[in-house]
Amino acid sequence: MSKHTPGPWEVNIDAIGDIFISGANSEYVAEIGSSEDKAAMNDANLIAAAPELLEALKYFLDVYEQEEWVSNEIGYAADIALAAIAKAEGTDQ
């Protein structure tokens, strides 16, 4: 699996109102829909945050692996983070 387009990603709206995501060096990432659609705009914002969310999850796991956690909630959070990273990187199959 190839790596994703480098972040940060940002939401852009073109002259006709289409929402699209661009990455570093203005690379095209995705077209989402119309800026008149509130759900599409929310989706675009979530998608644009993906590189930062992935980085945050990886950082959390780095810290988690260096500490001796005793809380079940922290262990559960680590499991969710691992699953999210696998999905984002396309290795969850």
Protein backbone atom coordinates (compact mmCIF):
# COMPACT_ATOMS: atom_id res chain seq x y z
CA MET A 1 0.00 0.00 0.00
CA SER A 2 1.36 3.40 -0.92
CA LYS A 3 1.51 6.26 1.52
CA HIS A 4 -1.20 8.90 1.53
CA THR A 5 -0.79 12.41 0.20
CA PRO A 6 1.32 14.35 2.71
CA GLY A 7 -0.54 16.66 5.09
CA PRO A 8 -1.62 19.04 6.15
CA TRP A 9 -4.81 18.77 4.12
CA GLU A 10 -7.19 21.66 3.67
CA VAL A 11 -10.75 22.21 2.52
CA ASN A 12 -11.21 24.32 -0.60
CA ILE A 13 -14.30 25.45 -2.50
CA ASP A 14 -14.00 26.15 -6.21
CA ALA A 15 -15.82 28.81 -8.23
CA ILE A 16 -18.92 26.64 -8.78
CA GLY A 17 -19.21 25.63 -5.12
CA ASP A 18 -17.66 22.15 -5.22
CA ILE A 19 -15.76 21.13 -2.10
CA PHE A 20 -12.41 19.46 -2.52
CA ILE A 21 -9.49 18.51 -0.31
CA SER A 22 -5.94 19.40 -1.24
CA GLY A 23 -2.71 18.34 0.35
CA ALA A 24 0.85 19.54 0.45
CA ASN A 25 1.94 21.33 -2.73
CA SER A 26 -1.78 21.72 -3.67
CA GLU A 27 -2.04 18.02 -4.53
CA TYR A 28 -5.61 16.86 -5.15
CA VAL A 29 -6.85 14.48 -2.45
CA ALA A 30 -10.61 14.22 -2.97
CA GLU A 31 -13.77 15.94 -4.13
CA ILE A 32 -16.50 15.81 -1.51
CA GLY A 33 -19.66 17.49 -2.85
CA SER A 34 -21.41 20.81 -2.91
CA SER A 35 -20.72 23.58 -0.43
CA GLU A 36 -24.50 23.96 -0.12
CA ASP A 37 -24.64 20.52 1.56
CA LYS A 38 -23.87 20.93 5.28
CA ALA A 39 -23.11 17.21 5.71
CA ALA A 40 -20.64 17.34 2.81
CA MET A 41 -18.88 20.30 4.42
CA ASN A 42 -18.70 18.45 7.75
CA ASP A 43 -17.33 15.39 5.96
CA ALA A 44 -14.74 17.55 4.20
CA ASN A 45 -13.55 18.97 7.51
CA LEU A 46 -13.23 15.50 9.01
CA ILE A 47 -11.36 14.19 5.98
CA ALA A 48 -9.03 17.20 5.97
CA ALA A 49 -8.15 16.43 9.61
CA ALA A 50 -7.17 12.84 8.81
CA PRO A 51 -3.38 13.36 8.64
CA GLU A 52 -3.37 15.14 11.99
CA LEU A 53 -5.66 12.55 13.57
CA LEU A 54 -3.39 9.77 12.35
CA GLU A 55 -0.33 11.56 13.72
CA ALA A 56 -2.07 12.07 17.08
CA LEU A 57 -3.00 8.40 17.35
CA LYS A 58 0.56 7.33 16.54
CA TYR A 59 1.92 9.75 19.14
CA PHE A 60 -0.55 8.46 21.73
CA LEU A 61 0.59 4.89 21.10
CA ASP A 62 4.26 5.87 21.34
CA VAL A 63 3.59 7.41 24.76
CA TYR A 64 1.36 4.50 25.77
CA GLU A 65 4.07 1.94 24.99
CA GLN A 66 6.58 3.82 27.16
CA GLU A 67 4.38 4.00 30.25
CA GLU A 68 3.05 1.37 32.62
CA TRP A 69 -0.67 1.99 32.41
CA VAL A 70 -2.99 0.13 34.76
CA SER A 71 -6.30 1.58 33.63
CA ASN A 72 -8.53 -0.58 31.46
CA GLU A 73 -9.81 2.59 29.77
CA ILE A 74 -6.31 3.43 28.53
CA GLY A 75 -5.91 -0.11 27.18
CA TYR A 76 -9.24 0.18 25.40
CA ALA A 77 -8.20 3.54 23.94
CA ALA A 78 -4.98 1.96 22.66
CA ASP A 79 -6.97 -0.83 20.96
CA ILE A 80 -9.17 1.74 19.24
CA ALA A 81 -6.14 3.77 18.19
CA LEU A 82 -4.45 0.69 16.71
CA ALA A 83 -7.60 -0.15 14.75
CA ALA A 84 -7.95 3.42 13.48
CA ILE A 85 -4.33 3.52 12.36
CA ALA A 86 -4.72 0.20 10.54
CA LYS A 87 -7.84 1.46 8.78
CA ALA A 88 -6.23 4.78 7.82
CA GLU A 89 -3.17 3.00 6.45
CA GLY A 90 -5.21 0.31 4.69
CA THR A 91 -3.72 -2.55 6.71
CA ASP A 92 -6.90 -3.61 8.53
CA GLN A 93 -7.74 -6.44 6.13
